[in-house]
């Protein structure tokens, strides 16, 4: 099949659908998603959306908190844009039908705002502890109802189509993507006058993660192969409180639990966070994750405890019905028992390097959401700023897409060749893929985790390069399936993280290395920007 759209969106989370709904006012939009429309990182967001909605709060305070959490590496202009445009984007969501919690059941009552780690005020708008689900329900309904939006589900983007990469000559430009139809096994040519990457994050590069299985860094890897500039991939955020349980691999215990008074304790009952930060349990995530990691290494315990038992039972039931219900199904009553938790890979603060409107270094290619590096998060994301960024940058990318689309020569679409499978055969052993997948994730967890060293990073890079060669041989020899596509992307993202980590010879935010434990503002108060050579 061959599709041509005015706007092609790869990814169906809040950034992608925000963009799609706006671009549908001006032309035909195609949304490619590798699972069902609602299967995305946004859907799993628990805490909420940070925005200044209280008259006692201020833009300046939100900006200050964001830059402080980002350890000074944020782009101040992008921070200002996201913070100041946030309230308007929240109101648009409410007009779309998203029902956020208020003080009482009356929709005219003030919004109920919670506070999370790193925030100096209550400014997190939420729908209980299932904000992402509420948000996606409304965005999905609006997208499905729009006559100008075509949803292509169960389609795995393989590679972006670029003029130079695919031999079309002249100045470079992104024209679309080759996309595997999982139902038919065929590879479709899917083109657009503008292309937005909104593929989310890459938490599955690590053994332990809060992310769903779909977070395999596809957009990051595709953009890298096309030649786009990447930035700050060393800054991978580890959420401090992922449930430790043998039956559950990636259930997140929301940041808002600590925001409402939860206390982290060792198994012996000692509350340890006062020893690490003046904000105690409300310290930024990078500080809390390192504190837990340190305590576990000292004690040898498998997990720490998040204690909510001193809070009123009705408060826990009302504010955290999702967490409470899940824990009860596992035999854990958070009203009476502390919750066993460990850190887990959560959010990629780096990504495809963009400006404040989502433009990448490749003409025709835009990026928004977790796949993009805008400069909002700096060296560490402030809690609940992620969906804020999705909404603001999804809209801002739409504002300049007319300019992007007007610069394309549509005659190029006819020159894009169909996918050639060559002599690829059916894979004979799936174990090769599953074993490589496990090895990459374990290696990244052990060598490129919360605390790093030059020795660990070099060992990781050496082994990843061998694995990349093996995976590349497998990729070209056998017919594509979703597992092989994701494995190819995972090993690429892992290398990008290690490469940037080796470049940053200091400790800042989420990147902590034993060899350079201090800041080095003179040499490293800047982004780590890398770009693939066209012939490498």
Protein backbone atom coordinates (compact mmCIF):
# COMPACT_ATOMS: atom_id res chain seq x y z
CA UNK A 1 0.00 0.00 0.00
CA UNK A 2 1.00 3.61 -0.55
CA UNK A 3 -0.47 6.45 1.52
CA UNK A 4 0.04 10.19 1.08
CA UNK A 5 -1.18 12.65 3.72
CA UNK A 6 -0.84 16.36 4.26
CA UNK A 7 0.36 15.56 7.78
CA UNK A 8 1.80 12.23 8.89
CA UNK A 9 1.94 11.56 12.64
CA UNK A 10 3.93 8.60 13.97
CA UNK A 11 2.64 7.94 17.49
CA UNK A 12 -0.76 8.29 19.12
CA UNK A 13 -0.13 9.78 22.57
CA UNK A 14 -1.10 13.23 23.79
CA UNK A 15 1.57 15.04 21.73
CA UNK A 16 0.67 13.25 18.51
CA UNK A 17 -3.10 13.59 18.85
CA UNK A 18 -2.89 17.24 19.95
CA UNK A 19 -1.00 17.93 16.73
CA UNK A 20 -3.28 15.73 14.61
CA UNK A 21 -6.48 17.41 15.77
CA UNK A 22 -5.10 20.84 14.91
CA UNK A 23 -3.68 19.81 11.54
CA UNK A 24 -6.98 18.11 10.62
CA UNK A 25 -8.48 21.60 10.36
CA UNK A 26 -6.24 22.20 7.33
CA UNK A 27 -5.91 18.86 5.52
CA UNK A 28 -5.73 15.09 5.65
CA UNK A 29 -3.88 13.58 8.61
CA UNK A 30 -2.59 10.04 8.98
CA UNK A 31 -1.80 8.68 12.46
CA UNK A 32 0.43 5.60 12.54
CA UNK A 33 0.44 3.66 15.81
CA UNK A 34 2.07 0.30 16.43
CA UNK A 35 -0.74 -1.01 18.61
CA UNK A 36 -4.29 0.18 19.22
CA UNK A 37 -4.89 3.94 19.18
CA UNK A 38 -5.08 4.28 22.95
CA UNK A 39 -1.94 2.21 23.63
CA UNK A 40 0.67 4.86 24.42
CA UNK A 41 2.78 6.17 27.28
CA UNK A 42 0.29 8.97 28.01
CA UNK A 43 -2.39 6.45 28.95
CA UNK A 44 -0.26 5.22 31.86
CA UNK A 45 0.39 8.66 33.37
CA UNK A 46 -0.91 8.70 36.93
CA UNK A 47 0.05 11.97 38.58
CA UNK A 48 -1.22 14.72 36.33
CA UNK A 49 -0.31 17.89 34.45
CA UNK A 50 1.68 20.70 36.03
CA UNK A 51 0.18 24.12 35.33
CA UNK A 52 -0.29 27.38 37.21
CA UNK A 53 -4.03 27.32 37.93
CA UNK A 54 -4.04 28.76 41.48
CA UNK A 55 -4.00 32.56 41.95
CA UNK A 56 -1.55 32.08 44.81
CA UNK A 57 0.89 30.35 42.47
CA UNK A 58 2.92 32.08 39.74
CA UNK A 59 4.63 31.45 36.42
CA UNK A 60 7.91 32.59 37.94
CA UNK A 61 7.66 29.97 40.69
CA UNK A 62 6.91 27.17 38.20
CA UNK A 63 9.81 28.32 36.00
CA UNK A 64 12.16 28.43 38.99
CA UNK A 65 11.12 24.93 40.13
CA UNK A 66 11.61 23.53 36.61
CA UNK A 67 15.11 24.99 36.23
CA UNK A 68 16.12 23.96 39.74
CA UNK A 69 15.02 20.38 39.10
CA UNK A 70 16.78 20.48 35.71
CA UNK A 71 20.06 21.35 37.44
CA UNK A 72 20.51 24.50 35.39
CA UNK A 73 20.67 22.82 31.97
CA UNK A 74 17.19 23.87 30.82
CA UNK A 75 16.52 26.25 27.94
CA UNK A 76 14.98 29.22 29.81
CA UNK A 77 12.92 30.37 26.83
CA UNK A 78 11.37 26.94 26.28
CA UNK A 79 10.64 26.67 30.01
CA UNK A 80 8.89 30.04 29.90
CA UNK A 81 6.86 29.05 26.82
CA UNK A 82 5.65 25.78 28.32
CA UNK A 83 4.81 27.27 31.70
CA UNK A 84 2.99 30.32 30.33
CA UNK A 85 1.04 28.40 27.68
CA UNK A 86 0.11 25.57 30.04
CA UNK A 87 -3.11 27.00 31.50
CA UNK A 88 -4.59 27.62 28.04
CA UNK A 89 -3.84 24.05 26.98
CA UNK A 90 -5.52 22.75 30.16
CA UNK A 91 -8.66 24.77 29.40
CA UNK A 92 -8.74 23.32 25.88
CA UNK A 93 -8.66 19.83 27.34
CA UNK A 94 -11.59 20.67 29.60
CA UNK A 95 -13.50 21.97 26.57
CA UNK A 96 -12.71 18.65 24.87
CA UNK A 97 -14.40 16.86 27.76
CA UNK A 98 -11.56 15.88 30.09
CA UNK A 99 -12.93 15.91 33.64
CA UNK A 100 -10.28 16.89 36.18
CA UNK A 101 -10.79 16.55 39.92
CA UNK A 102 -12.32 19.49 41.74
CA UNK A 103 -13.11 20.39 45.33
CA UNK A 104 -16.42 18.56 45.43
CA UNK A 105 -18.55 17.14 42.63
CA UNK A 106 -19.70 20.52 41.30
CA UNK A 107 -17.89 21.25 37.98
CA UNK A 108 -17.88 24.97 38.85
CA UNK A 109 -15.76 24.34 41.94
CA UNK A 110 -12.03 25.07 41.91
CA UNK A 111 -9.69 22.44 40.53
CA UNK A 112 -8.18 20.11 43.10
CA UNK A 113 -4.42 20.61 42.81
CA UNK A 114 -1.86 18.27 44.28
CA UNK A 115 1.85 18.78 44.94
CA UNK A 116 4.64 16.53 43.76
CA UNK A 117 8.38 16.30 44.38
CA UNK A 118 10.34 19.39 43.36
CA UNK A 119 7.30 21.69 43.24
CA UNK A 120 7.05 24.65 45.61
CA UNK A 121 3.25 24.81 45.31
CA UNK A 122 0.19 22.69 44.59
CA UNK A 123 -0.10 22.95 40.80
CA UNK A 124 -0.67 19.43 39.48
CA UNK A 125 -4.07 19.09 37.82
CA UNK A 126 -5.25 15.49 37.86
CA UNK A 127 -8.08 13.02 37.38
CA UNK A 128 -7.63 10.97 40.55
CA UNK A 129 -4.47 8.92 39.90
CA UNK A 130 -5.52 7.98 36.35
CA UNK A 131 -4.97 11.28 34.55
CA UNK A 132 -3.47 9.76 31.40
CA UNK A 133 -6.43 7.46 30.93
CA UNK A 134 -8.91 10.34 31.22
CA UNK A 135 -6.89 12.47 28.83
CA UNK A 136 -6.55 9.75 26.19
CA UNK A 137 -10.23 8.88 26.37
CA UNK A 138 -11.17 12.38 25.17
CA UNK A 139 -8.35 12.75 22.63
CA UNK A 140 -9.08 9.33 21.17
CA UNK A 141 -12.79 10.07 20.81
CA UNK A 142 -12.08 13.38 19.09
CA UNK A 143 -9.58 11.81 16.68
CA UNK A 144 -11.88 8.94 15.75
CA UNK A 145 -14.75 11.36 15.12
CA UNK A 146 -12.78 13.70 12.84
CA UNK A 147 -13.39 13.06 9.13
CA UNK A 148 -9.91 14.27 8.14
CA UNK A 149 -8.00 11.88 10.42
CA UNK A 150 -7.10 8.35 9.28
CA UNK A 151 -5.95 6.01 12.04
CA UNK A 152 -3.54 3.26 10.96
CA UNK A 153 -3.38 0.85 13.90
CA UNK A 154 -0.99 -2.07 14.40
CA UNK A 155 1.54 -0.46 12.06
CA UNK A 156 5.23 -0.50 13.04
CA UNK A 157 7.30 2.29 11.53
CA UNK A 158 10.59 0.75 10.33
CA UNK A 159 12.55 3.71 8.98
CA UNK A 160 11.96 7.30 8.00
CA UNK A 161 12.17 8.11 4.30
CA UNK A 162 14.76 10.81 3.57
CA UNK A 163 15.88 12.31 0.26
CA UNK A 164 19.56 11.74 0.88
CA UNK A 165 19.23 8.46 2.76
CA UNK A 166 17.12 6.97 -0.02
CA UNK A 167 19.03 8.38 -2.98
CA UNK A 168 16.64 11.06 -4.20
CA UNK A 169 19.34 13.74 -4.46
CA UNK A 170 19.41 17.43 -3.56
CA UNK A 171 18.97 18.95 -0.14
CA UNK A 172 17.85 16.57 2.56
CA UNK A 173 14.23 16.24 3.63
CA UNK A 174 12.02 13.75 5.45
CA UNK A 175 9.15 12.54 3.27
CA UNK A 176 7.50 9.85 5.39
CA UNK A 177 8.20 6.32 6.59
CA UNK A 178 8.28 2.69 5.64
CA UNK A 179 5.68 1.01 7.86
CA UNK A 180 5.10 -2.69 8.57
CA UNK A 181 1.45 -3.72 8.61
CA UNK A 182 1.45 -6.29 11.40
CA UNK A 183 -1.77 -7.88 10.12
CA UNK A 184 -0.60 -8.51 6.56
CA UNK A 185 3.19 -8.61 6.92
CA UNK A 186 3.44 -6.09 4.07
CA UNK A 187 5.51 -2.89 4.25
CA UNK A 188 3.58 0.23 3.26
CA UNK A 189 5.05 3.46 1.92
CA UNK A 190 3.44 6.12 4.13
CA UNK A 191 4.25 9.71 3.13
CA UNK A 192 3.41 13.21 4.34
CA UNK A 193 4.07 16.82 3.40
CA UNK A 194 5.08 17.17 7.05
CA UNK A 195 6.06 14.34 9.41
CA UNK A 196 5.71 14.52 13.19
CA UNK A 197 7.54 12.01 15.39
CA UNK A 198 5.55 11.50 18.59
CA UNK A 199 6.63 7.97 19.45
CA UNK A 200 7.24 8.46 23.18
CA UNK A 201 10.10 7.12 25.24
CA UNK A 202 12.47 4.18 25.56
CA UNK A 203 12.11 2.76 29.07
CA UNK A 204 12.32 -0.82 27.78
CA UNK A 205 16.03 -0.30 27.15
CA UNK A 206 16.39 -1.02 30.90
CA UNK A 207 15.64 -4.24 32.74
CA UNK A 208 13.39 -2.51 35.29
CA UNK A 209 11.05 0.18 34.04
CA UNK A 210 7.72 1.80 34.77
CA UNK A 211 7.03 2.02 31.02
CA UNK A 212 4.69 -0.23 29.04
CA UNK A 213 6.21 -2.76 26.63
CA UNK A 214 5.70 -0.43 23.67
CA UNK A 215 8.31 2.11 24.90
CA UNK A 216 11.18 0.85 22.72
CA UNK A 217 12.67 4.12 21.48
CA UNK A 218 11.49 3.67 17.88
CA UNK A 219 11.35 7.35 16.98
CA UNK A 220 14.74 8.05 18.57
CA UNK A 221 16.41 5.28 16.58
CA UNK A 222 14.68 6.18 13.29
CA UNK A 223 15.62 9.85 13.61
CA UNK A 224 19.24 8.91 14.36
CA UNK A 225 19.46 6.66 11.31
CA UNK A 226 18.06 9.49 9.16
CA UNK A 227 20.82 11.80 10.41
CA UNK A 228 18.92 14.03 12.85
CA UNK A 229 20.80 15.66 15.71
CA UNK A 230 20.21 14.09 19.13
CA UNK A 231 20.74 15.76 22.50
CA UNK A 232 21.24 14.83 26.17
CA UNK A 233 20.56 11.11 25.87
CA UNK A 234 22.61 10.52 29.04
CA UNK A 235 19.81 11.99 31.16
CA UNK A 236 17.47 9.04 31.74
CA UNK A 237 15.15 9.56 34.67
CA UNK A 238 14.61 6.74 37.14
CA UNK A 239 11.31 6.98 38.97
CA UNK A 240 11.97 6.36 42.67
CA UNK A 241 8.86 4.34 43.43
CA UNK A 242 8.01 1.45 41.16
CA UNK A 243 6.21 -1.41 42.89
CA UNK A 244 8.48 -4.28 43.94
CA UNK A 245 6.42 -7.43 43.44
CA UNK A 246 7.12 -10.81 41.79
CA UNK A 247 3.85 -10.76 39.83
CA UNK A 248 4.04 -7.21 38.48
CA UNK A 249 6.86 -5.91 36.32
CA UNK A 250 6.11 -2.22 35.70
CA UNK A 251 3.48 -0.78 38.03
CA UNK A 252 4.24 2.79 39.03
CA UNK A 253 3.35 4.17 42.46
CA UNK A 254 2.64 7.79 41.59
CA UNK A 255 4.82 10.69 42.70
CA UNK A 256 1.71 12.22 44.22
CA UNK A 257 1.85 9.65 47.04
CA UNK A 258 4.94 11.40 48.39
CA UNK A 259 3.37 14.74 47.54
CA UNK A 260 0.49 13.96 49.85
CA UNK A 261 2.75 12.93 52.73
CA UNK A 262 4.19 9.50 51.98
CA UNK A 263 7.48 8.71 53.74
CA UNK A 264 10.30 6.52 52.41
CA UNK A 265 11.72 4.08 54.96
CA UNK A 266 14.27 1.31 55.09
CA UNK A 267 12.98 -2.16 55.99
CA UNK A 268 13.99 -1.43 59.60
CA UNK A 269 11.56 1.52 59.62
CA UNK A 270 14.15 4.32 59.46
CA UNK A 271 13.04 7.36 57.40
CA UNK A 272 16.21 8.15 55.42
CA UNK A 273 15.37 11.05 53.08
CA UNK A 274 16.19 13.82 55.64
CA UNK A 275 19.81 12.65 55.36
CA UNK A 276 19.89 13.36 51.61
CA UNK A 277 17.95 16.58 50.95
CA UNK A 278 16.35 19.49 52.75
CA UNK A 279 13.01 18.73 51.07
CA UNK A 280 13.14 15.20 52.50
CA UNK A 281 10.59 13.00 50.70
CA UNK A 282 9.63 15.88 48.38
CA UNK A 283 13.13 16.12 46.90
CA UNK A 284 13.47 15.95 43.08
CA UNK A 285 13.31 12.49 41.55
CA UNK A 286 17.00 12.19 40.73
CA UNK A 287 17.93 12.84 44.37
CA UNK A 288 15.35 10.37 45.68
CA UNK A 289 16.32 7.64 43.19
CA UNK A 290 20.01 7.94 44.11
CA UNK A 291 19.13 7.96 47.81
CA UNK A 292 17.17 4.71 47.47
CA UNK A 293 19.94 3.18 45.36
CA UNK A 294 22.48 4.12 48.04
CA UNK A 295 20.36 2.67 50.86
CA UNK A 296 19.83 -0.60 48.98
CA UNK A 297 23.54 -0.96 48.29
CA UNK A 298 24.39 -0.35 51.95
CA UNK A 299 21.72 -2.62 53.40
CA UNK A 300 21.58 -5.34 50.77
CA UNK A 301 17.79 -5.20 50.98
CA UNK A 302 15.79 -5.85 47.79
CA UNK A 303 13.55 -2.78 48.22
CA UNK A 304 12.58 0.11 50.48
CA UNK A 305 9.13 1.04 51.79
CA UNK A 306 6.79 3.90 50.95
CA UNK A 307 4.75 4.45 54.10
CA UNK A 308 1.29 6.02 53.74
CA UNK A 309 -0.25 4.40 56.84
CA UNK A 310 -0.22 7.63 58.89
CA UNK A 311 -2.61 9.32 56.42
CA UNK A 312 -6.42 9.08 56.67
CA UNK A 313 -7.74 5.96 54.96
CA UNK A 314 -10.44 7.91 53.13
CA UNK A 315 -7.81 10.24 51.67
CA UNK A 316 -5.88 7.31 50.22
CA UNK A 317 -9.01 5.68 48.81
CA UNK A 318 -10.29 8.91 47.26
CA UNK A 319 -7.07 10.38 45.83
CA UNK A 320 -5.39 7.14 44.76
CA UNK A 321 -8.11 4.73 43.64
CA UNK A 322 -5.95 3.27 40.85
CA UNK A 323 -2.94 2.58 43.08
CA UNK A 324 -5.13 1.43 45.99
CA UNK A 325 -7.14 -0.93 43.79
CA UNK A 326 -4.08 -2.46 42.14
CA UNK A 327 -2.32 -2.98 45.46
CA UNK A 328 -5.40 -4.54 47.03
CA UNK A 329 -5.57 -7.03 44.14
CA UNK A 330 -2.04 -8.07 45.11
CA UNK A 331 -2.83 -8.34 48.81
CA UNK A 332 -1.24 -5.03 49.83
CA UNK A 333 -3.43 -2.60 51.78
CA UNK A 334 -1.68 0.79 51.57
CA UNK A 335 -3.93 2.07 54.38
CA UNK A 336 -2.30 -0.41 56.79
CA UNK A 337 0.90 -1.62 55.12
CA UNK A 338 3.89 0.24 53.67
CA UNK A 339 4.35 -0.30 49.93
CA UNK A 340 7.52 -2.12 48.73
CA UNK A 341 9.18 0.05 46.06
CA UNK A 342 12.37 0.28 43.99
CA UNK A 343 13.60 2.80 41.39
CA UNK A 344 12.92 1.99 37.73
CA UNK A 345 13.72 3.60 34.38
CA UNK A 346 10.95 6.07 33.71
CA UNK A 347 11.57 8.99 31.35
CA UNK A 348 14.08 9.98 28.66
CA UNK A 349 14.94 13.66 29.15
CA UNK A 350 17.03 13.75 25.98
CA UNK A 351 15.87 13.04 22.46
CA UNK A 352 15.69 14.36 18.92
CA UNK A 353 17.03 17.91 19.10
CA UNK A 354 14.27 20.44 18.32
CA UNK A 355 13.56 24.13 18.59
CA UNK A 356 10.56 25.64 20.38
CA UNK A 357 8.23 24.66 17.52
CA UNK A 358 9.33 21.05 17.15
CA UNK A 359 11.62 21.56 14.14
CA UNK A 360 14.46 19.04 13.96
CA UNK A 361 17.73 19.34 12.02
CA UNK A 362 16.06 17.49 9.09
CA UNK A 363 13.66 19.63 7.00
CA UNK A 364 10.15 18.22 6.94
CA UNK A 365 10.65 16.30 10.21
CA UNK A 366 9.10 17.57 13.45
CA UNK A 367 9.19 15.94 16.88
CA UNK A 368 7.12 16.44 20.04
CA UNK A 369 6.71 14.71 23.37
CA UNK A 370 9.17 12.38 25.06
CA UNK A 371 10.92 11.55 21.77
CA UNK A 372 12.01 15.21 21.50
CA UNK A 373 14.60 17.24 23.34
CA UNK A 374 13.22 20.76 23.56
CA UNK A 375 15.26 21.99 26.53
CA UNK A 376 12.31 22.05 28.93
CA UNK A 377 13.60 19.34 31.27
CA UNK A 378 17.32 20.05 31.36
CA UNK A 379 19.23 17.39 33.28
CA UNK A 380 16.16 16.12 35.16
CA UNK A 381 12.41 16.39 34.50
CA UNK A 382 10.25 18.09 37.11
CA UNK A 383 7.30 15.88 38.01
CA UNK A 384 4.20 16.25 35.77
CA UNK A 385 5.92 18.55 33.27
CA UNK A 386 5.85 15.83 30.61
CA UNK A 387 2.21 16.00 29.50
CA UNK A 388 2.45 19.78 29.80
CA UNK A 389 5.24 19.67 27.22
CA UNK A 390 3.25 17.28 24.99
CA UNK A 391 0.27 19.62 24.85
CA UNK A 392 2.25 22.82 24.35
CA UNK A 393 4.68 21.46 21.79
CA UNK A 394 2.05 19.47 19.89
CA UNK A 395 0.18 22.71 19.35
CA UNK A 396 3.29 24.76 18.55
CA UNK A 397 4.41 22.23 15.93
CA UNK A 398 1.02 22.61 14.27
CA UNK A 399 1.41 26.39 14.13
CA UNK A 400 4.41 26.19 11.79
CA UNK A 401 3.45 23.08 9.80
CA UNK A 402 1.93 25.12 6.99
CA UNK A 403 5.36 26.62 6.40
CA UNK A 404 6.93 23.15 6.53
CA UNK A 405 4.43 21.68 4.07
CA UNK A 406 4.68 24.53 1.56
CA UNK A 407 8.39 23.83 1.06
CA UNK A 408 8.01 20.24 -0.19
CA UNK A 409 8.17 19.27 -3.88
CA UNK A 410 5.34 16.72 -4.09
CA UNK A 411 6.85 15.22 -7.24
CA UNK A 412 9.30 13.55 -4.86
CA UNK A 413 6.54 11.30 -3.52
CA UNK A 414 6.39 9.45 -6.80
CA UNK A 415 10.14 8.83 -6.68
CA UNK A 416 10.04 7.01 -3.33
CA UNK A 417 10.64 3.34 -4.07
CA UNK A 418 8.54 0.54 -2.66
CA UNK A 419 10.07 -1.59 0.09
CA UNK A 420 12.36 -4.30 -1.25
CA UNK A 421 12.56 -7.41 0.97
CA UNK A 422 15.47 -8.80 -1.06
CA UNK A 423 16.33 -12.39 -0.15
CA UNK A 424 15.10 -12.23 3.43
CA UNK A 425 13.74 -15.50 4.76
CA UNK A 426 11.57 -16.51 7.68
CA UNK A 427 13.55 -16.48 10.96
CA UNK A 428 14.55 -19.95 12.06
CA UNK A 429 15.12 -19.26 15.78
CA UNK A 430 13.32 -16.64 17.84
CA UNK A 431 15.64 -17.31 20.77
CA UNK A 432 18.33 -15.14 19.14
CA UNK A 433 16.07 -12.10 19.42
CA UNK A 434 14.85 -12.82 22.95
CA UNK A 435 18.37 -13.45 24.24
CA UNK A 436 19.78 -10.25 22.72
CA UNK A 437 16.86 -8.30 24.16
CA UNK A 438 17.52 -9.64 27.67
CA UNK A 439 21.24 -9.01 27.42
CA UNK A 440 20.86 -5.39 26.35
CA UNK A 441 18.41 -4.58 29.13
CA UNK A 442 20.47 -6.27 31.86
CA UNK A 443 23.66 -4.64 30.62
CA UNK A 444 22.08 -1.19 30.64
CA UNK A 445 20.67 -1.70 34.14
CA UNK A 446 23.97 -2.90 35.59
CA UNK A 447 26.39 -0.57 33.79
CA UNK A 448 24.39 2.52 32.72
CA UNK A 449 21.93 2.91 35.58
CA UNK A 450 21.45 5.36 38.43
CA UNK A 451 25.18 5.49 39.33
CA UNK A 452 27.80 5.15 36.57
CA UNK A 453 31.57 5.00 36.06
CA UNK A 454 33.90 5.22 33.08
CA UNK A 455 34.77 1.57 33.42
CA UNK A 456 31.13 0.48 33.39
CA UNK A 457 30.29 2.73 30.46
CA UNK A 458 33.20 1.51 28.35
CA UNK A 459 32.29 -2.12 29.06
CA UNK A 460 28.69 -1.38 28.06
CA UNK A 461 29.73 0.29 24.79
CA UNK A 462 32.07 -2.55 23.85
CA UNK A 463 29.38 -5.19 24.28
CA UNK A 464 26.65 -3.08 22.64
CA UNK A 465 28.76 -2.68 19.51
CA UNK A 466 29.10 -6.46 19.23
CA UNK A 467 25.36 -6.90 19.76
CA UNK A 468 24.56 -4.23 17.17
CA UNK A 469 26.60 -6.11 14.57
CA UNK A 470 24.82 -9.37 15.38
CA UNK A 471 21.40 -7.71 15.27
CA UNK A 472 22.20 -5.97 11.99
CA UNK A 473 23.10 -9.29 10.36
CA UNK A 474 19.86 -10.80 11.62
CA UNK A 475 17.88 -7.75 10.43
CA UNK A 476 19.07 -8.06 6.83
CA UNK A 477 18.87 -11.85 6.68
CA UNK A 478 15.33 -12.41 7.90
CA UNK A 479 11.85 -11.05 7.24
CA UNK A 480 10.76 -8.28 9.53
CA UNK A 481 8.44 -8.68 12.46
CA UNK A 482 7.67 -6.28 15.33
CA UNK A 483 10.14 -7.95 17.72
CA UNK A 484 13.05 -7.58 15.32
CA UNK A 485 12.17 -3.95 14.55
CA UNK A 486 12.07 -3.11 18.25
CA UNK A 487 15.30 -4.98 19.01
CA UNK A 488 17.12 -3.01 16.31
CA UNK A 489 15.83 0.22 17.83
CA UNK A 490 16.62 -0.74 21.42
CA UNK A 491 20.30 -1.45 20.72
CA UNK A 492 20.58 1.87 18.86
CA UNK A 493 19.07 3.82 21.75
CA UNK A 494 21.29 2.03 24.25
CA UNK A 495 24.37 3.12 22.30
CA UNK A 496 23.13 6.72 22.14
CA UNK A 497 22.71 6.81 25.93
CA UNK A 498 26.20 5.40 26.54
CA UNK A 499 27.79 7.66 23.94
CA UNK A 500 26.36 10.80 25.54
CA UNK A 501 27.20 9.54 29.04
CA UNK A 502 30.84 9.10 28.06
CA UNK A 503 30.91 12.64 26.67
CA UNK A 504 29.71 14.26 29.92
CA UNK A 505 32.68 14.22 32.29
CA UNK A 506 30.82 15.62 35.28
CA UNK A 507 27.82 14.71 37.45
CA UNK A 508 24.68 16.71 36.79
CA UNK A 509 21.02 15.89 37.33
CA UNK A 510 20.26 12.34 36.27
CA UNK A 511 23.82 11.62 35.14
CA UNK A 512 25.89 10.68 38.19
CA UNK A 513 29.35 9.21 37.66
CA UNK A 514 31.82 8.10 40.31
CA UNK A 515 34.74 9.37 38.20
CA UNK A 516 33.45 12.97 38.04
CA UNK A 517 31.19 13.47 41.09
CA UNK A 518 31.02 17.30 40.86
CA UNK A 519 29.59 19.85 38.45
CA UNK A 520 31.91 21.31 35.82
CA UNK A 521 30.10 24.44 34.66
CA UNK A 522 33.14 25.72 32.79
CA UNK A 523 33.11 22.78 30.35
CA UNK A 524 29.75 21.06 30.57
CA UNK A 525 27.01 23.60 31.21
CA UNK A 526 25.75 22.76 27.72
CA UNK A 527 23.79 20.10 25.89
CA UNK A 528 25.42 16.89 24.67
CA UNK A 529 24.58 17.03 20.95
CA UNK A 530 25.52 14.19 18.59
CA UNK A 531 24.79 13.46 14.92
CA UNK A 532 25.29 10.34 12.87
CA UNK A 533 27.60 10.58 9.88
CA UNK A 534 25.74 9.94 6.65
CA UNK A 535 28.12 7.12 5.73
CA UNK A 536 28.64 5.60 9.19
